[in-house]
Amino acid sequence: MRKVLAACLASTTVLCSSASFAVCQVNLDHSREVIGELQSHLPKGAIRSGEDLPASLKSAVRELVGLSPEKQSVENLGARLIVILDMNRYLDYKRVLDPRQRDLIKRFKTAFTLDEQWPIYVNGESDLYTCGRSPVSKWRRPSHLKLAAVIAHERVHAEGEPNEAKAMTEEIRILEVFVGRRLVELDWLTVRRAKLAQLMRGQVPDGPLKVSPSKPPSR
């Protein structure tokens, strides 16, 4: 009887692993599809992805995977990230015309997902990304670690979760590790905790970014 039960459990594990692998492959294929589409429509150099990701972002991916190795490999997560270096051309391509929405995305979104799906888009013009890329910035390492936490946040959305509070909770979990190691300043974590409290009280919208074709406001 024990042998039969063990065999059943083993079969279930294989089936679950196969199902997870299939979902992973579908998501990865979708990311490749999106990358190919952007490469064909945007100027050369407007995006970076996969092996072409900058070293700072690859380091962020390694840090994140090291804290959650059961979720993804470094290669798998890296293949699902797209750095947008020319946000204006990207937003033009997406037909986001409303100046307010464009400004919101460019100035305040370090990274985002669309419709709770992979890939994760990294804003190559954001302060956190550009600071991490600067070889002379004293904040380079903290920025690189903060970026890992942001990717953790967006990964929750990419896996189909629209709830902003749940994504923020995962970002905070990662930041707490870095703050505990004295690699990121406590003030940064305090701000994120305050944002989570606002979300829980309903004081700020609880939902991921929506990027959709729009028209400028009528005059």
C-alpha atoms as a PDB file:
ATOM      1  CA  MET A   1       0.000   0.000   0.000  1.00  0.00           C
ATOM      2  CA  ARG A   2       2.830   2.372   0.874  1.00  0.00           C
ATOM      3  CA  LYS A   3       4.495   1.620  -2.450  1.00  0.00           C
ATOM      4  CA  VAL A   4       1.278   2.407  -4.312  1.00  0.00           C
ATOM      5  CA  LEU A   5       0.880   5.679  -2.382  1.00  0.00           C
ATOM      6  CA  ALA A   6       4.491   6.635  -3.073  1.00  0.00           C
ATOM      7  CA  ALA A   7       4.035   5.900  -6.763  1.00  0.00           C
ATOM      8  CA  CYS A   8       0.888   8.047  -6.850  1.00  0.00           C
ATOM      9  CA  LEU A   9       2.676  10.950  -5.146  1.00  0.00           C
ATOM     10  CA  ALA A  10       5.609  10.663  -7.539  1.00  0.00           C
ATOM     11  CA  SER A  11       3.250  10.693 -10.536  1.00  0.00           C
ATOM     12  CA  THR A  12       1.447  13.745  -9.158  1.00  0.00           C
ATOM     13  CA  THR A  13       4.761  15.563  -8.669  1.00  0.00           C
ATOM     14  CA  VAL A  14       5.802  14.812 -12.234  1.00  0.00           C
ATOM     15  CA  LEU A  15       2.459  15.994 -13.580  1.00  0.00           C
ATOM     16  CA  CYS A  16       2.585  19.207 -11.533  1.00  0.00           C
ATOM     17  CA  SER A  17       6.173  19.861 -12.593  1.00  0.00           C
ATOM     18  CA  SER A  18       5.235  19.262 -16.217  1.00  0.00           C
ATOM     19  CA  ALA A  19       2.280  21.627 -15.936  1.00  0.00           C
ATOM     20  CA  SER A  20       4.442  24.330 -14.322  1.00  0.00           C
ATOM     21  CA  PHE A  21       7.064  23.872 -17.012  1.00  0.00           C
ATOM     22  CA  ALA A  22       4.411  24.187 -19.732  1.00  0.00           C
ATOM     23  CA  VAL A  23       3.079  27.422 -18.226  1.00  0.00           C
ATOM     24  CA  CYS A  24       6.650  28.707 -17.887  1.00  0.00           C
ATOM     25  CA  GLN A  25       7.347  27.949 -21.543  1.00  0.00           C
ATOM     26  CA  VAL A  26       4.150  29.677 -22.695  1.00  0.00           C
ATOM     27  CA  ASN A  27       5.036  32.788 -20.688  1.00  0.00           C
ATOM     28  CA  LEU A  28       8.591  32.729 -21.974  1.00  0.00           C
ATOM     29  CA  ASP A  29       7.373  32.343 -25.551  1.00  0.00           C
ATOM     30  CA  HIS A  30       5.079  35.347 -25.031  1.00  0.00           C
ATOM     31  CA  SER A  31       8.041  37.386 -23.785  1.00  0.00           C
ATOM     32  CA  ARG A  32      10.069  36.421 -26.851  1.00  0.00           C
ATOM     33  CA  GLU A  33       7.123  37.381 -29.029  1.00  0.00           C
ATOM     34  CA  VAL A  34       6.901  40.813 -27.410  1.00  0.00           C
ATOM     35  CA  ILE A  35      10.664  41.339 -27.665  1.00  0.00           C
ATOM     36  CA  GLY A  36      10.590  40.422 -31.356  1.00  0.00           C
ATOM     37  CA  GLU A  37       7.694  42.788 -31.969  1.00  0.00           C
ATOM     38  CA  LEU A  38       9.434  45.716 -30.282  1.00  0.00           C
ATOM     39  CA  GLN A  39      12.708  45.017 -32.073  1.00  0.00           C
ATOM     40  CA  SER A  40      10.912  45.110 -35.416  1.00  0.00           C
ATOM     41  CA  HIS A  41       9.061  48.361 -34.718  1.00  0.00           C
ATOM     42  CA  LEU A  42      11.471  50.435 -32.630  1.00  0.00           C
ATOM     43  CA  PRO A  43      14.847  51.869 -33.672  1.00  0.00           C
ATOM     44  CA  LYS A  44      17.930  49.759 -33.051  1.00  0.00           C
ATOM     45  CA  GLY A  45      19.165  50.293 -29.513  1.00  0.00           C
ATOM     46  CA  ALA A  46      15.778  51.399 -28.160  1.00  0.00           C
ATOM     47  CA  ILE A  47      15.484  48.243 -26.039  1.00  0.00           C
ATOM     48  CA  ARG A  48      17.785  45.690 -24.445  1.00  0.00           C
ATOM     49  CA  SER A  49      16.876  42.173 -23.376  1.00  0.00           C
ATOM     50  CA  GLY A  50      18.225  38.698 -22.625  1.00  0.00           C
ATOM     51  CA  GLU A  51      21.986  38.416 -22.952  1.00  0.00           C
ATOM     52  CA  ASP A  52      22.076  42.091 -23.954  1.00  0.00           C
ATOM     53  CA  LEU A  53      20.845  43.266 -20.547  1.00  0.00           C
ATOM     54  CA  PRO A  54      23.279  45.639 -18.798  1.00  0.00           C
ATOM     55  CA  ALA A  55      25.500  44.207 -16.076  1.00  0.00           C
ATOM     56  CA  SER A  56      23.700  46.151 -13.320  1.00  0.00           C
ATOM     57  CA  LEU A  57      20.366  44.578 -14.228  1.00  0.00           C
ATOM     58  CA  LYS A  58      21.874  41.104 -14.517  1.00  0.00           C
ATOM     59  CA  SER A  59      23.255  41.582 -10.999  1.00  0.00           C
ATOM     60  CA  ALA A  60      19.801  42.612  -9.769  1.00  0.00           C
ATOM     61  CA  VAL A  61      18.348  39.444 -11.290  1.00  0.00           C
ATOM     62  CA  ARG A  62      20.976  37.284  -9.578  1.00  0.00           C
ATOM     63  CA  GLU A  63      20.275  38.936  -6.220  1.00  0.00           C
ATOM     64  CA  LEU A  64      16.532  38.361  -6.588  1.00  0.00           C
ATOM     65  CA  VAL A  65      16.818  34.751  -7.725  1.00  0.00           C
ATOM     66  CA  GLY A  66      19.188  34.089  -4.827  1.00  0.00           C
ATOM     67  CA  LEU A  67      16.414  35.123  -2.427  1.00  0.00           C
ATOM     68  CA  SER A  68      13.703  33.118  -4.196  1.00  0.00           C
ATOM     69  CA  PRO A  69      15.423  30.250  -6.051  1.00  0.00           C
ATOM     70  CA  GLU A  70      12.244  28.156  -6.126  1.00  0.00           C
ATOM     71  CA  LYS A  71      10.505  30.630  -8.438  1.00  0.00           C
ATOM     72  CA  GLN A  72      12.860  30.977 -11.436  1.00  0.00           C
ATOM     73  CA  SER A  73      16.390  30.585 -12.677  1.00  0.00           C
ATOM     74  CA  VAL A  74      18.580  33.569 -13.505  1.00  0.00           C
ATOM     75  CA  GLU A  75      18.338  32.738 -17.212  1.00  0.00           C
ATOM     76  CA  ASN A  76      14.558  32.392 -17.155  1.00  0.00           C
ATOM     77  CA  LEU A  77      13.937  35.683 -15.354  1.00  0.00           C
ATOM     78  CA  GLY A  78      16.530  37.536 -17.429  1.00  0.00           C
ATOM     79  CA  ALA A  79      14.837  36.380 -20.634  1.00  0.00           C
ATOM     80  CA  ARG A  80      11.586  37.969 -19.452  1.00  0.00           C
ATOM     81  CA  LEU A  81      12.959  41.464 -18.835  1.00  0.00           C
ATOM     82  CA  ILE A  82      13.007  44.293 -21.365  1.00  0.00           C
ATOM     83  CA  VAL A  83      14.860  47.552 -20.747  1.00  0.00           C
ATOM     84  CA  ILE A  84      13.270  50.421 -22.667  1.00  0.00           C
ATOM     85  CA  LEU A  85      15.983  52.988 -23.326  1.00  0.00           C
ATOM     86  CA  ASP A  86      13.830  55.293 -25.475  1.00  0.00           C
ATOM     87  CA  MET A  87      10.562  55.723 -23.593  1.00  0.00           C
ATOM     88  CA  ASN A  88       9.202  58.323 -25.991  1.00  0.00           C
ATOM     89  CA  ARG A  89       9.504  55.991 -28.970  1.00  0.00           C
ATOM     90  CA  TYR A  90       7.993  53.145 -26.973  1.00  0.00           C
ATOM     91  CA  LEU A  91       5.018  55.245 -25.836  1.00  0.00           C
ATOM     92  CA  ASP A  92       4.552  56.533 -29.385  1.00  0.00           C
ATOM     93  CA  TYR A  93       4.461  52.937 -30.611  1.00  0.00           C
ATOM     94  CA  LYS A  94       1.887  52.042 -27.920  1.00  0.00           C
ATOM     95  CA  ARG A  95      -0.080  55.140 -28.972  1.00  0.00           C
ATOM     96  CA  VAL A  96      -0.054  56.586 -25.465  1.00  0.00           C
ATOM     97  CA  LEU A  97      -0.748  60.205 -26.365  1.00  0.00           C
ATOM     98  CA  ASP A  98      -2.082  61.688 -23.144  1.00  0.00           C
ATOM     99  CA  PRO A  99       0.762  63.902 -21.785  1.00  0.00           C
ATOM    100  CA  ARG A 100      -0.245  63.192 -18.197  1.00  0.00           C
ATOM    101  CA  GLN A 101      -0.084  59.432 -18.622  1.00  0.00           C
ATOM    102  CA  ARG A 102       3.218  59.680 -20.496  1.00  0.00           C
ATOM    103  CA  ASP A 103       4.685  61.813 -17.717  1.00  0.00           C
ATOM    104  CA  LEU A 104       3.426  59.400 -15.062  1.00  0.00           C
ATOM    105  CA  ILE A 105       5.070  56.436 -16.754  1.00  0.00           C
ATOM    106  CA  LYS A 106       8.353  58.158 -17.586  1.00  0.00           C
ATOM    107  CA  ARG A 107       8.874  59.879 -14.235  1.00  0.00           C
ATOM    108  CA  PHE A 108       7.386  57.525 -11.676  1.00  0.00           C
ATOM    109  CA  LYS A 109       7.511  53.989 -13.077  1.00  0.00           C
ATOM    110  CA  THR A 110      10.833  52.235 -12.637  1.00  0.00           C
ATOM    111  CA  ALA A 111       9.285  49.062 -14.053  1.00  0.00           C
ATOM    112  CA  PHE A 112       5.845  47.820 -15.076  1.00  0.00           C
ATOM    113  CA  THR A 113       3.887  44.990 -16.653  1.00  0.00           C
ATOM    114  CA  LEU A 114       0.943  45.046 -19.039  1.00  0.00           C
ATOM    115  CA  ASP A 115      -2.293  43.190 -18.260  1.00  0.00           C
ATOM    116  CA  GLU A 116      -0.609  41.166 -15.511  1.00  0.00           C
ATOM    117  CA  GLN A 117       1.496  39.273 -18.037  1.00  0.00           C
ATOM    118  CA  TRP A 118       5.176  38.767 -18.798  1.00  0.00           C
ATOM    119  CA  PRO A 119       7.490  40.379 -19.753  1.00  0.00           C
ATOM    120  CA  ILE A 120       8.536  42.974 -17.190  1.00  0.00           C
ATOM    121  CA  TYR A 121       9.429  46.328 -18.745  1.00  0.00           C
ATOM    122  CA  VAL A 122      12.193  48.352 -17.061  1.00  0.00           C
ATOM    123  CA  ASN A 123      12.169  52.101 -17.615  1.00  0.00           C
ATOM    124  CA  GLY A 124      15.683  52.863 -18.829  1.00  0.00           C
ATOM    125  CA  GLU A 125      15.135  56.579 -18.151  1.00  0.00           C
ATOM    126  CA  SER A 126      14.080  56.166 -14.503  1.00  0.00           C
ATOM    127  CA  ASP A 127      16.223  57.603 -11.719  1.00  0.00           C
ATOM    128  CA  LEU A 128      16.758  54.226 -10.079  1.00  0.00           C
ATOM    129  CA  TYR A 129      17.939  52.564 -13.286  1.00  0.00           C
ATOM    130  CA  THR A 130      20.222  55.401 -14.436  1.00  0.00           C
ATOM    131  CA  CYS A 131      21.698  55.800 -10.945  1.00  0.00           C
ATOM    132  CA  GLY A 132      22.542  52.112 -10.849  1.00  0.00           C
ATOM    133  CA  ARG A 133      24.241  52.392 -14.244  1.00  0.00           C
ATOM    134  CA  SER A 134      26.485  55.293 -13.228  1.00  0.00           C
ATOM    135  CA  PRO A 135      30.057  54.122 -12.502  1.00  0.00           C
ATOM    136  CA  VAL A 136      30.685  57.137 -10.244  1.00  0.00           C
ATOM    137  CA  SER A 137      27.471  57.103  -8.223  1.00  0.00           C
ATOM    138  CA  LYS A 138      27.919  56.361  -4.530  1.00  0.00           C
ATOM    139  CA  TRP A 139      24.384  54.947  -4.596  1.00  0.00           C
ATOM    140  CA  ARG A 140      25.170  52.416  -7.299  1.00  0.00           C
ATOM    141  CA  ARG A 141      24.958  49.286  -5.151  1.00  0.00           C
ATOM    142  CA  PRO A 142      21.862  50.341  -3.171  1.00  0.00           C
ATOM    143  CA  SER A 143      20.154  51.288  -6.448  1.00  0.00           C
ATOM    144  CA  HIS A 144      21.023  47.923  -7.914  1.00  0.00           C
ATOM    145  CA  LEU A 145      19.471  46.184  -4.888  1.00  0.00           C
ATOM    146  CA  LYS A 146      16.409  48.431  -4.862  1.00  0.00           C
ATOM    147  CA  LEU A 147      15.920  47.531  -8.516  1.00  0.00           C
ATOM    148  CA  ALA A 148      15.898  43.846  -7.552  1.00  0.00           C
ATOM    149  CA  ALA A 149      13.053  44.602  -5.123  1.00  0.00           C
ATOM    150  CA  VAL A 150      11.131  46.477  -7.829  1.00  0.00           C
ATOM    151  CA  ILE A 151      11.485  43.495 -10.163  1.00  0.00           C
ATOM    152  CA  ALA A 152      10.166  41.268  -7.365  1.00  0.00           C
ATOM    153  CA  HIS A 153       7.144  43.572  -7.129  1.00  0.00           C
ATOM    154  CA  GLU A 154       6.480  43.427 -10.859  1.00  0.00           C
ATOM    155  CA  ARG A 155       7.017  39.671 -10.952  1.00  0.00           C
ATOM    156  CA  VAL A 156       3.941  39.297  -8.755  1.00  0.00           C
ATOM    157  CA  HIS A 157       1.916  41.221 -11.344  1.00  0.00           C
ATOM    158  CA  ALA A 158       3.507  39.305 -14.231  1.00  0.00           C
ATOM    159  CA  GLU A 159       2.342  36.056 -12.652  1.00  0.00           C
ATOM    160  CA  GLY A 160      -1.255  37.267 -12.931  1.00  0.00           C
ATOM    161  CA  GLU A 161      -1.840  39.094  -9.641  1.00  0.00           C
ATOM    162  CA  PRO A 162      -3.443  42.560 -10.116  1.00  0.00           C
ATOM    163  CA  ASN A 163      -3.453  43.407  -6.388  1.00  0.00           C
ATOM    164  CA  GLU A 164      -0.928  46.162  -5.736  1.00  0.00           C
ATOM    165  CA  ALA A 165      -0.771  45.501  -2.000  1.00  0.00           C
ATOM    166  CA  LYS A 166       0.343  41.894  -2.579  1.00  0.00           C
ATOM    167  CA  ALA A 167       3.029  43.052  -5.017  1.00  0.00           C
ATOM    168  CA  MET A 168       4.186  45.735  -2.572  1.00  0.00           C
ATOM    169  CA  THR A 169       4.368  43.130   0.209  1.00  0.00           C
ATOM    170  CA  GLU A 170       6.781  41.055  -1.881  1.00  0.00           C
ATOM    171  CA  GLU A 171       8.897  44.134  -2.660  1.00  0.00           C
ATOM    172  CA  ILE A 172       9.074  44.909   1.055  1.00  0.00           C
ATOM    173  CA  ARG A 173      10.061  41.310   1.857  1.00  0.00           C
ATOM    174  CA  ILE A 174      13.078  41.622  -0.437  1.00  0.00           C
ATOM    175  CA  LEU A 175      14.000  45.062   0.900  1.00  0.00           C
ATOM    176  CA  GLU A 176      13.873  43.814   4.486  1.00  0.00           C
ATOM    177  CA  VAL A 177      16.613  41.309   3.654  1.00  0.00           C
ATOM    178  CA  PHE A 178      18.853  44.013   2.183  1.00  0.00           C
ATOM    179  CA  VAL A 179      18.176  46.418   5.048  1.00  0.00           C
ATOM    180  CA  GLY A 180      18.935  43.629   7.517  1.00  0.00           C
ATOM    181  CA  ARG A 181      22.296  43.194   5.818  1.00  0.00           C
ATOM    182  CA  ARG A 182      22.835  46.978   5.949  1.00  0.00           C
ATOM    183  CA  LEU A 183      23.015  47.188   2.170  1.00  0.00           C
ATOM    184  CA  VAL A 184      19.991  49.470   1.705  1.00  0.00           C
ATOM    185  CA  GLU A 185      19.046  52.405   3.929  1.00  0.00           C
ATOM    186  CA  LEU A 186      16.133  51.948   6.335  1.00  0.00           C
ATOM    187  CA  ASP A 187      14.461  55.144   5.081  1.00  0.00           C
ATOM    188  CA  TRP A 188      13.819  53.539   1.702  1.00  0.00           C
ATOM    189  CA  LEU A 189      12.058  50.594   3.339  1.00  0.00           C
ATOM    190  CA  THR A 190      10.068  52.936   5.596  1.00  0.00           C
ATOM    191  CA  VAL A 191       8.694  54.780   2.567  1.00  0.00           C
ATOM    192  CA  ARG A 192       7.594  51.520   0.934  1.00  0.00           C
ATOM    193  CA  ARG A 193       5.918  50.386   4.145  1.00  0.00           C
ATOM    194  CA  ALA A 194       4.056  53.694   4.314  1.00  0.00           C
ATOM    195  CA  LYS A 195       2.872  53.170   0.734  1.00  0.00           C
ATOM    196  CA  LEU A 196       1.608  49.704   1.656  1.00  0.00           C
ATOM    197  CA  ALA A 197      -0.291  51.166   4.612  1.00  0.00           C
ATOM    198  CA  GLN A 198      -1.941  53.675   2.266  1.00  0.00           C
ATOM    199  CA  LEU A 199      -2.918  50.860  -0.067  1.00  0.00           C
ATOM    200  CA  MET A 200      -4.432  48.859   2.773  1.00  0.00           C
ATOM    201  CA  ARG A 201      -6.468  51.898   3.894  1.00  0.00           C
ATOM    202  CA  GLY A 202      -7.660  52.563   0.346  1.00  0.00           C
ATOM    203  CA  GLN A 203      -5.960  55.951   0.187  1.00  0.00           C
ATOM    204  CA  VAL A 204      -4.235  55.222  -3.140  1.00  0.00           C
ATOM    205  CA  PRO A 205      -5.416  53.125  -6.121  1.00  0.00           C
ATOM    206  CA  ASP A 206      -4.833  49.390  -5.709  1.00  0.00           C
ATOM    207  CA  GLY A 207      -3.986  48.189  -9.199  1.00  0.00           C
ATOM    208  CA  PRO A 208      -1.074  47.845 -11.632  1.00  0.00           C
ATOM    209  CA  LEU A 209      -0.262  50.294 -14.382  1.00  0.00           C
ATOM    210  CA  LYS A 210      -2.481  50.273 -17.447  1.00  0.00           C
ATOM    211  CA  VAL A 211      -0.839  51.352 -20.692  1.00  0.00           C
ATOM    212  CA  SER A 212      -3.436  51.757 -23.405  1.00  0.00           C
ATOM    213  CA  PRO A 213      -3.959  53.856 -26.543  1.00  0.00           C
ATOM    214  CA  SER A 214      -5.363  57.232 -25.588  1.00  0.00           C
ATOM    215  CA  LYS A 215      -6.046  60.678 -26.930  1.00  0.00           C
ATOM    216  CA  PRO A 216      -4.891  64.027 -25.571  1.00  0.00           C
ATOM    217  CA  PRO A 217      -7.498  65.757 -23.382  1.00  0.00           C
ATOM    218  CA  SER A 218      -9.868  67.961 -25.363  1.00  0.00           C
ATOM    219  CA  ARG A 219      -9.327  71.689 -25.048  1.00  0.00           C
END
